[in-house]
Amino acid sequence: MEPAGHPSLCRTATVELRPRIWLDIGTREGPRIVQDVEKFRDVLLEKGWKPGKDLHYERVEGAEHNEAAWAQRVGPFLRFLYPAREAAV
């Protein structure tokens, strides 16, 4: 199927110009990593990412870098990166 042959398809297609980014960091992941991740977040904000829209940042007090810590955050992570969309009719 060629989009040029279906202009309505082209008009209704959602195109995201920038990826949605989820950043979270546990305060027990390492001595410098929190600071580095926050610097990266600040660069993204300067480049135009918007908190809650296409950028999520969360500093998790006491969280470590392991599967148990990630399991606590996987649900919100997936919902942010893959939000539910209204069903096409």
PDB file of N, CA and C in Angstrom:
ATOM      1  N   MET A   1       0.845  -1.161   0.000  1.00  0.00           N
ATOM      2  CA  MET A   1       0.000   0.000   0.000  1.00  0.00           C
ATOM      3  C   MET A   1       0.898   1.233   0.000  1.00  0.00           C
ATOM      4  N   GLU A   2       0.618   2.172  -0.860  1.00  0.00           N
ATOM      5  CA  GLU A   2       1.385   3.405  -0.914  1.00  0.00           C
ATOM      6  C   GLU A   2       0.613   4.520  -0.236  1.00  0.00           C
ATOM      7  N   PRO A   3       1.236   5.218   0.733  1.00  0.00           N
ATOM      8  CA  PRO A   3       0.540   6.300   1.426  1.00  0.00           C
ATOM      9  C   PRO A   3       0.047   7.391   0.485  1.00  0.00           C
ATOM     10  N   ALA A   4       0.767   7.646  -0.609  1.00  0.00           N
ATOM     11  CA  ALA A   4       0.350   8.708  -1.530  1.00  0.00           C
ATOM     12  C   ALA A   4      -1.025   8.409  -2.112  1.00  0.00           C
ATOM     13  N   GLY A   5      -1.360   7.146  -2.200  1.00  0.00           N
ATOM     14  CA  GLY A   5      -2.660   6.762  -2.731  1.00  0.00           C
ATOM     15  C   GLY A   5      -3.769   6.851  -1.702  1.00  0.00           C
ATOM     16  N   HIS A   6      -3.412   7.117  -0.459  1.00  0.00           N
ATOM     17  CA  HIS A   6      -4.389   7.160   0.625  1.00  0.00           C
ATOM     18  C   HIS A   6      -4.149   8.401   1.482  1.00  0.00           C
ATOM     19  N   PRO A   7      -4.509   9.586   0.979  1.00  0.00           N
ATOM     20  CA  PRO A   7      -4.222  10.807   1.721  1.00  0.00           C
ATOM     21  C   PRO A   7      -4.849  10.849   3.108  1.00  0.00           C
ATOM     22  N   SER A   8      -6.008  10.214   3.301  1.00  0.00           N
ATOM     23  CA  SER A   8      -6.616  10.249   4.633  1.00  0.00           C
ATOM     24  C   SER A   8      -5.750   9.492   5.633  1.00  0.00           C
ATOM     25  N   LEU A   9      -5.109   8.441   5.184  1.00  0.00           N
ATOM     26  CA  LEU A   9      -4.202   7.694   6.058  1.00  0.00           C
ATOM     27  C   LEU A   9      -3.039   8.582   6.482  1.00  0.00           C
ATOM     28  N   CYS A  10      -2.487   9.328   5.568  1.00  0.00           N
ATOM     29  CA  CYS A  10      -1.366  10.218   5.877  1.00  0.00           C
ATOM     30  C   CYS A  10      -1.775  11.318   6.840  1.00  0.00           C
ATOM     31  N   ARG A  11      -2.992  11.847   6.672  1.00  0.00           N
ATOM     32  CA  ARG A  11      -3.450  12.941   7.539  1.00  0.00           C
ATOM     33  C   ARG A  11      -3.700  12.476   8.963  1.00  0.00           C
ATOM     34  N   THR A  12      -4.087  11.231   9.154  1.00  0.00           N
ATOM     35  CA  THR A  12      -4.429  10.754  10.496  1.00  0.00           C
ATOM     36  C   THR A  12      -3.284  10.033  11.198  1.00  0.00           C
ATOM     37  N   ALA A  13      -2.204   9.774  10.496  1.00  0.00           N
ATOM     38  CA  ALA A  13      -1.078   9.052  11.104  1.00  0.00           C
ATOM     39  C   ALA A  13      -0.422   9.923  12.177  1.00  0.00           C
ATOM     40  N   THR A  14      -0.075   9.302  13.287  1.00  0.00           N
ATOM     41  CA  THR A  14       0.633   9.998  14.354  1.00  0.00           C
ATOM     42  C   THR A  14       2.123   9.803  14.149  1.00  0.00           C
ATOM     43  N   VAL A  15       2.831  10.899  14.070  1.00  0.00           N
ATOM     44  CA  VAL A  15       4.279  10.847  13.893  1.00  0.00           C
ATOM     45  C   VAL A  15       4.914  11.543  15.084  1.00  0.00           C
ATOM     46  N   GLU A  16       5.696  10.807  15.832  1.00  0.00           N
ATOM     47  CA  GLU A  16       6.377  11.392  16.975  1.00  0.00           C
ATOM     48  C   GLU A  16       7.772  11.788  16.548  1.00  0.00           C
ATOM     49  N   LEU A  17       8.061  13.086  16.643  1.00  0.00           N
ATOM     50  CA  LEU A  17       9.337  13.607  16.183  1.00  0.00           C
ATOM     51  C   LEU A  17      10.467  13.320  17.156  1.00  0.00           C
ATOM     52  N   ARG A  18      10.150  13.088  18.366  1.00  0.00           N
ATOM     53  CA  ARG A  18      11.184  12.737  19.340  1.00  0.00           C
ATOM     54  C   ARG A  18      10.680  11.557  20.165  1.00  0.00           C
ATOM     55  N   PRO A  19      11.583  10.683  20.559  1.00  0.00           N
ATOM     56  CA  PRO A  19      11.151   9.524  21.344  1.00  0.00           C
ATOM     57  C   PRO A  19      10.771   9.924  22.763  1.00  0.00           C
ATOM     58  N   ARG A  20       9.887   9.152  23.340  1.00  0.00           N
ATOM     59  CA  ARG A  20       9.578   9.316  24.750  1.00  0.00           C
ATOM     60  C   ARG A  20      10.731   8.679  25.524  1.00  0.00           C
ATOM     61  N   ILE A  21      11.191   9.355  26.554  1.00  0.00           N
ATOM     62  CA  ILE A  21      12.334   8.863  27.322  1.00  0.00           C
ATOM     63  C   ILE A  21      11.955   8.768  28.790  1.00  0.00           C
ATOM     64  N   TRP A  22      12.247   7.623  29.368  1.00  0.00           N
ATOM     65  CA  TRP A  22      12.033   7.390  30.799  1.00  0.00           C
ATOM     66  C   TRP A  22      13.409   7.300  31.453  1.00  0.00           C
ATOM     67  N   LEU A  23      13.661   8.161  32.403  1.00  0.00           N
ATOM     68  CA  LEU A  23      14.888   8.105  33.193  1.00  0.00           C
ATOM     69  C   LEU A  23      14.491   7.905  34.644  1.00  0.00           C
ATOM     70  N   ASP A  24      15.019   6.872  35.249  1.00  0.00           N
ATOM     71  CA  ASP A  24      14.883   6.774  36.691  1.00  0.00           C
ATOM     72  C   ASP A  24      16.207   6.282  37.233  1.00  0.00           C
ATOM     73  N   ILE A  25      16.459   6.673  38.452  1.00  0.00           N
ATOM     74  CA  ILE A  25      17.744   6.342  39.055  1.00  0.00           C
ATOM     75  C   ILE A  25      17.541   6.119  40.545  1.00  0.00           C
ATOM     76  N   GLY A  26      18.135   5.051  41.030  1.00  0.00           N
ATOM     77  CA  GLY A  26      18.106   4.783  42.457  1.00  0.00           C
ATOM     78  C   GLY A  26      19.282   5.467  43.129  1.00  0.00           C
ATOM     79  N   THR A  27      19.045   5.988  44.298  1.00  0.00           N
ATOM     80  CA  THR A  27      20.114   6.708  44.992  1.00  0.00           C
ATOM     81  C   THR A  27      21.225   5.781  45.480  1.00  0.00           C
ATOM     82  N   ARG A  28      20.996   4.455  45.432  1.00  0.00           N
ATOM     83  CA  ARG A  28      22.037   3.511  45.852  1.00  0.00           C
ATOM     84  C   ARG A  28      22.658   2.797  44.651  1.00  0.00           C
ATOM     85  N   GLU A  29      22.598   3.414  43.464  1.00  0.00           N
ATOM     86  CA  GLU A  29      23.163   2.794  42.265  1.00  0.00           C
ATOM     87  C   GLU A  29      24.640   3.101  42.075  1.00  0.00           C
ATOM     88  N   GLY A  30      25.155   4.059  42.768  1.00  0.00           N
ATOM     89  CA  GLY A  30      26.567   4.393  42.628  1.00  0.00           C
ATOM     90  C   GLY A  30      26.802   5.842  42.994  1.00  0.00           C
ATOM     91  N   PRO A  31      28.040   6.179  43.328  1.00  0.00           N
ATOM     92  CA  PRO A  31      28.326   7.520  43.851  1.00  0.00           C
ATOM     93  C   PRO A  31      28.118   8.666  42.857  1.00  0.00           C
ATOM     94  N   ARG A  32      28.357   8.441  41.585  1.00  0.00           N
ATOM     95  CA  ARG A  32      28.232   9.534  40.611  1.00  0.00           C
ATOM     96  C   ARG A  32      27.032   9.406  39.691  1.00  0.00           C
ATOM     97  N   ILE A  33      26.408   8.271  39.653  1.00  0.00           N
ATOM     98  CA  ILE A  33      25.403   8.010  38.628  1.00  0.00           C
ATOM     99  C   ILE A  33      24.181   8.922  38.750  1.00  0.00           C
ATOM    100  N   VAL A  34      23.747   9.246  39.967  1.00  0.00           N
ATOM    101  CA  VAL A  34      22.581  10.128  40.123  1.00  0.00           C
ATOM    102  C   VAL A  34      22.877  11.487  39.487  1.00  0.00           C
ATOM    103  N   GLN A  35      24.035  12.019  39.786  1.00  0.00           N
ATOM    104  CA  GLN A  35      24.435  13.314  39.234  1.00  0.00           C
ATOM    105  C   GLN A  35      24.520  13.254  37.698  1.00  0.00           C
ATOM    106  N   ASP A  36      25.087  12.185  37.168  1.00  0.00           N
ATOM    107  CA  ASP A  36      25.208  12.044  35.711  1.00  0.00           C
ATOM    108  C   ASP A  36      23.843  11.949  35.032  1.00  0.00           C
ATOM    109  N   VAL A  37      22.929  11.188  35.623  1.00  0.00           N
ATOM    110  CA  VAL A  37      21.597  11.047  35.045  1.00  0.00           C
ATOM    111  C   VAL A  37      20.851  12.377  35.113  1.00  0.00           C
ATOM    112  N   GLU A  38      21.017  13.117  36.189  1.00  0.00           N
ATOM    113  CA  GLU A  38      20.354  14.416  36.297  1.00  0.00           C
ATOM    114  C   GLU A  38      20.930  15.417  35.291  1.00  0.00           C
ATOM    115  N   LYS A  39      22.207  15.330  35.009  1.00  0.00           N
ATOM    116  CA  LYS A  39      22.800  16.182  33.965  1.00  0.00           C
ATOM    117  C   LYS A  39      22.221  15.823  32.596  1.00  0.00           C
ATOM    118  N   PHE A  40      22.071  14.529  32.336  1.00  0.00           N
ATOM    119  CA  PHE A  40      21.479  14.083  31.071  1.00  0.00           C
ATOM    120  C   PHE A  40      20.041  14.585  30.959  1.00  0.00           C
ATOM    121  N   ARG A  41      19.270  14.476  32.047  1.00  0.00           N
ATOM    122  CA  ARG A  41      17.901  14.999  32.068  1.00  0.00           C
ATOM    123  C   ARG A  41      17.882  16.485  31.719  1.00  0.00           C
ATOM    124  N   ASP A  42      18.801  17.246  32.306  1.00  0.00           N
ATOM    125  CA  ASP A  42      18.849  18.684  32.057  1.00  0.00           C
ATOM    126  C   ASP A  42      19.161  18.997  30.591  1.00  0.00           C
ATOM    127  N   VAL A  43      20.028  18.203  29.977  1.00  0.00           N
ATOM    128  CA  VAL A  43      20.329  18.385  28.547  1.00  0.00           C
ATOM    129  C   VAL A  43      19.073  18.134  27.718  1.00  0.00           C
ATOM    130  N   LEU A  44      18.338  17.073  28.039  1.00  0.00           N
ATOM    131  CA  LEU A  44      17.101  16.781  27.308  1.00  0.00           C
ATOM    132  C   LEU A  44      16.094  17.918  27.462  1.00  0.00           C
ATOM    133  N   LEU A  45      15.976  18.466  28.660  1.00  0.00           N
ATOM    134  CA  LEU A  45      15.072  19.596  28.877  1.00  0.00           C
ATOM    135  C   LEU A  45      15.500  20.800  28.040  1.00  0.00           C
ATOM    136  N   GLU A  46      16.792  21.062  27.977  1.00  0.00           N
ATOM    137  CA  GLU A  46      17.302  22.161  27.154  1.00  0.00           C
ATOM    138  C   GLU A  46      17.015  21.936  25.672  1.00  0.00           C
ATOM    139  N   LYS A  47      16.987  20.668  25.264  1.00  0.00           N
ATOM    140  CA  LYS A  47      16.727  20.328  23.861  1.00  0.00           C
ATOM    141  C   LYS A  47      15.243  20.296  23.528  1.00  0.00           C
ATOM    142  N   GLY A  48      14.387  20.522  24.524  1.00  0.00           N
ATOM    143  CA  GLY A  48      12.961  20.632  24.251  1.00  0.00           C
ATOM    144  C   GLY A  48      12.073  19.507  24.724  1.00  0.00           C
ATOM    145  N   TRP A  49      12.629  18.484  25.368  1.00  0.00           N
ATOM    146  CA  TRP A  49      11.761  17.445  25.923  1.00  0.00           C
ATOM    147  C   TRP A  49      10.924  18.069  27.026  1.00  0.00           C
ATOM    148  N   LYS A  50       9.703  17.592  27.185  1.00  0.00           N
ATOM    149  CA  LYS A  50       8.760  18.137  28.164  1.00  0.00           C
ATOM    150  C   LYS A  50       8.422  17.083  29.214  1.00  0.00           C
ATOM    151  N   PRO A  51       8.650  17.409  30.505  1.00  0.00           N
ATOM    152  CA  PRO A  51       8.308  16.466  31.567  1.00  0.00           C
ATOM    153  C   PRO A  51       6.836  16.072  31.509  1.00  0.00           C
ATOM    154  N   GLY A  52       6.586  14.774  31.624  1.00  0.00           N
ATOM    155  CA  GLY A  52       5.228  14.271  31.599  1.00  0.00           C
ATOM    156  C   GLY A  52       4.682  14.053  30.202  1.00  0.00           C
ATOM    157  N   LYS A  53       5.284  14.670  29.212  1.00  0.00           N
ATOM    158  CA  LYS A  53       4.832  14.506  27.829  1.00  0.00           C
ATOM    159  C   LYS A  53       5.718  13.503  27.099  1.00  0.00           C
ATOM    160  N   ASP A  54       6.993  13.839  26.959  1.00  0.00           N
ATOM    161  CA  ASP A  54       7.907  12.928  26.279  1.00  0.00           C
ATOM    162  C   ASP A  54       9.150  12.631  27.116  1.00  0.00           C
ATOM    163  N   LEU A  55       9.130  13.075  28.380  1.00  0.00           N
ATOM    164  CA  LEU A  55      10.239  12.801  29.293  1.00  0.00           C
ATOM    165  C   LEU A  55       9.696  12.532  30.690  1.00  0.00           C
ATOM    166  N   HIS A  56      10.208  11.466  31.275  1.00  0.00           N
ATOM    167  CA  HIS A  56       9.904  11.168  32.673  1.00  0.00           C
ATOM    168  C   HIS A  56      11.231  11.025  33.401  1.00  0.00           C
ATOM    169  N   TYR A  57      11.358  11.692  34.538  1.00  0.00           N
ATOM    170  CA  TYR A  57      12.533  11.535  35.387  1.00  0.00           C
ATOM    171  C   TYR A  57      12.059  11.265  36.803  1.00  0.00           C
ATOM    172  N   GLU A  58      12.700  10.292  37.423  1.00  0.00           N
ATOM    173  CA  GLU A  58      12.361   9.961  38.803  1.00  0.00           C
ATOM    174  C   GLU A  58      13.620   9.535  39.540  1.00  0.00           C
ATOM    175  N   ARG A  59      13.856  10.154  40.687  1.00  0.00           N
ATOM    176  CA  ARG A  59      14.954   9.784  41.582  1.00  0.00           C
ATOM    177  C   ARG A  59      14.323   8.957  42.691  1.00  0.00           C
ATOM    178  N   VAL A  60      14.738   7.695  42.794  1.00  0.00           N
ATOM    179  CA  VAL A  60      14.106   6.769  43.741  1.00  0.00           C
ATOM    180  C   VAL A  60      15.036   6.580  44.937  1.00  0.00           C
ATOM    181  N   GLU A  61      14.637   7.166  46.050  1.00  0.00           N
ATOM    182  CA  GLU A  61      15.453   7.095  47.269  1.00  0.00           C
ATOM    183  C   GLU A  61      15.626   5.649  47.723  1.00  0.00           C
ATOM    184  N   GLY A  62      16.884   5.256  47.923  1.00  0.00           N
ATOM    185  CA  GLY A  62      17.206   3.938  48.442  1.00  0.00           C
ATOM    186  C   GLY A  62      17.202   2.805  47.426  1.00  0.00           C
ATOM    187  N   ALA A  63      16.783   3.073  46.187  1.00  0.00           N
ATOM    188  CA  ALA A  63      16.721   2.000  45.191  1.00  0.00           C
ATOM    189  C   ALA A  63      18.122   1.652  44.683  1.00  0.00           C
ATOM    190  N   GLU A  64      18.308   0.364  44.437  1.00  0.00           N
ATOM    191  CA  GLU A  64      19.573  -0.148  43.916  1.00  0.00           C
ATOM    192  C   GLU A  64      19.437  -0.456  42.431  1.00  0.00           C
ATOM    193  N   HIS A  65      20.530  -0.902  41.839  1.00  0.00           N
ATOM    194  CA  HIS A  65      20.573  -1.271  40.422  1.00  0.00           C
ATOM    195  C   HIS A  65      20.410  -2.786  40.321  1.00  0.00           C
ATOM    196  N   ASN A  66      19.153  -3.244  40.426  1.00  0.00           N
ATOM    197  CA  ASN A  66      18.905  -4.673  40.358  1.00  0.00           C
ATOM    198  C   ASN A  66      17.463  -4.946  39.937  1.00  0.00           C
ATOM    199  N   GLU A  67      17.169  -6.198  39.659  1.00  0.00           N
ATOM    200  CA  GLU A  67      15.847  -6.589  39.156  1.00  0.00           C
ATOM    201  C   GLU A  67      14.732  -6.280  40.155  1.00  0.00           C
ATOM    202  N   ALA A  68      15.005  -6.428  41.431  1.00  0.00           N
ATOM    203  CA  ALA A  68      13.969  -6.152  42.435  1.00  0.00           C
ATOM    204  C   ALA A  68      13.556  -4.682  42.393  1.00  0.00           C
ATOM    205  N   ALA A  69      14.525  -3.790  42.260  1.00  0.00           N
ATOM    206  CA  ALA A  69      14.215  -2.357  42.180  1.00  0.00           C
ATOM    207  C   ALA A  69      13.487  -2.032  40.882  1.00  0.00           C
ATOM    208  N   TRP A  70      13.925  -2.620  39.778  1.00  0.00           N
ATOM    209  CA  TRP A  70      13.291  -2.350  38.482  1.00  0.00           C
ATOM    210  C   TRP A  70      11.855  -2.873  38.461  1.00  0.00           C
ATOM    211  N   ALA A  71      11.617  -4.003  39.117  1.00  0.00           N
ATOM    212  CA  ALA A  71      10.266  -4.585  39.136  1.00  0.00           C
ATOM    213  C   ALA A  71       9.259  -3.625  39.773  1.00  0.00           C
ATOM    214  N   GLN A  72       9.717  -2.811  40.704  1.00  0.00           N
ATOM    215  CA  GLN A  72       8.835  -1.836  41.348  1.00  0.00           C
ATOM    216  C   GLN A  72       8.380  -0.742  40.383  1.00  0.00           C
ATOM    217  N   ARG A  73       9.146  -0.526  39.295  1.00  0.00           N
ATOM    218  CA  ARG A  73       8.878   0.601  38.401  1.00  0.00           C
ATOM    219  C   ARG A  73       8.490   0.195  36.985  1.00  0.00           C
ATOM    220  N   VAL A  74       8.446  -1.083  36.688  1.00  0.00           N
ATOM    221  CA  VAL A  74       8.222  -1.517  35.311  1.00  0.00           C
ATOM    222  C   VAL A  74       6.827  -1.155  34.797  1.00  0.00           C
ATOM    223  N   GLY A  75       5.809  -1.206  35.630  1.00  0.00           N
ATOM    224  CA  GLY A  75       4.454  -0.873  35.184  1.00  0.00           C
ATOM    225  C   GLY A  75       4.340   0.566  34.708  1.00  0.00           C
ATOM    226  N   PRO A  76       4.709   1.535  35.551  1.00  0.00           N
ATOM    227  CA  PRO A  76       4.658   2.925  35.101  1.00  0.00           C
ATOM    228  C   PRO A  76       5.560   3.189  33.892  1.00  0.00           C
ATOM    229  N   PHE A  77       6.706   2.531  33.852  1.00  0.00           N
ATOM    230  CA  PHE A  77       7.633   2.663  32.727  1.00  0.00           C
ATOM    231  C   PHE A  77       6.960   2.258  31.414  1.00  0.00           C
ATOM    232  N   LEU A  78       6.321   1.099  31.415  1.00  0.00           N
ATOM    233  CA  LEU A  78       5.661   0.612  30.200  1.00  0.00           C
ATOM    234  C   LEU A  78       4.468   1.489  29.810  1.00  0.00           C
ATOM    235  N   ARG A  79       3.700   1.940  30.789  1.00  0.00           N
ATOM    236  CA  ARG A  79       2.554   2.809  30.475  1.00  0.00           C
ATOM    237  C   ARG A  79       3.010   4.149  29.898  1.00  0.00           C
ATOM    238  N   PHE A  80       4.135   4.660  30.369  1.00  0.00           N
ATOM    239  CA  PHE A  80       4.646   5.933  29.845  1.00  0.00           C
ATOM    240  C   PHE A  80       5.158   5.770  28.414  1.00  0.00           C
ATOM    241  N   LEU A  81       5.937   4.723  28.179  1.00  0.00           N
ATOM    242  CA  LEU A  81       6.524   4.543  26.843  1.00  0.00           C
ATOM    243  C   LEU A  81       5.515   4.052  25.813  1.00  0.00           C
ATOM    244  N   TYR A  82       4.507   3.321  26.268  1.00  0.00           N
ATOM    245  CA  TYR A  82       3.501   2.751  25.362  1.00  0.00           C
ATOM    246  C   TYR A  82       2.102   3.102  25.857  1.00  0.00           C
ATOM    247  N   PRO A  83       1.741   4.384  25.781  1.00  0.00           N
ATOM    248  CA  PRO A  83       0.426   4.787  26.304  1.00  0.00           C
ATOM    249  C   PRO A  83      -0.710   4.175  25.507  1.00  0.00           C
ATOM    250  N   ALA A  84      -1.818   3.932  26.196  1.00  0.00           N
ATOM    251  CA  ALA A  84      -3.005   3.387  25.521  1.00  0.00           C
ATOM    252  C   ALA A  84      -3.524   4.442  24.557  1.00  0.00           C
ATOM    253  N   ARG A  85      -3.923   3.994  23.413  1.00  0.00           N
ATOM    254  CA  ARG A  85      -4.509   4.891  22.416  1.00  0.00           C
ATOM    255  C   ARG A  85      -5.951   4.473  22.202  1.00  0.00           C
ATOM    256  N   GLU A  86      -6.772   5.431  21.817  1.00  0.00           N
ATOM    257  CA  GLU A  86      -8.162   5.108  21.549  1.00  0.00           C
ATOM    258  C   GLU A  86      -8.210   4.169  20.356  1.00  0.00           C
ATOM    259  N   ALA A  87      -9.095   3.211  20.430  1.00  0.00           N
ATOM    260  CA  ALA A  87      -9.242   2.231  19.354  1.00  0.00           C
ATOM    261  C   ALA A  87      -9.753   2.911  18.084  1.00  0.00           C
ATOM    262  N   ALA A  88      -9.151   2.545  16.959  1.00  0.00           N
ATOM    263  CA  ALA A  88      -9.603   3.078  15.670  1.00  0.00           C
ATOM    264  C   ALA A  88     -10.911   2.387  15.299  1.00  0.00           C
ATOM    265  N   VAL A  89     -11.836   3.143  14.804  1.00  0.00           N
ATOM    266  CA  VAL A  89     -13.131   2.569  14.408  1.00  0.00           C
ATOM    267  C   VAL A  89     -13.299   2.677  12.929  1.00  0.00           C
TER     268      VAL A  89
END
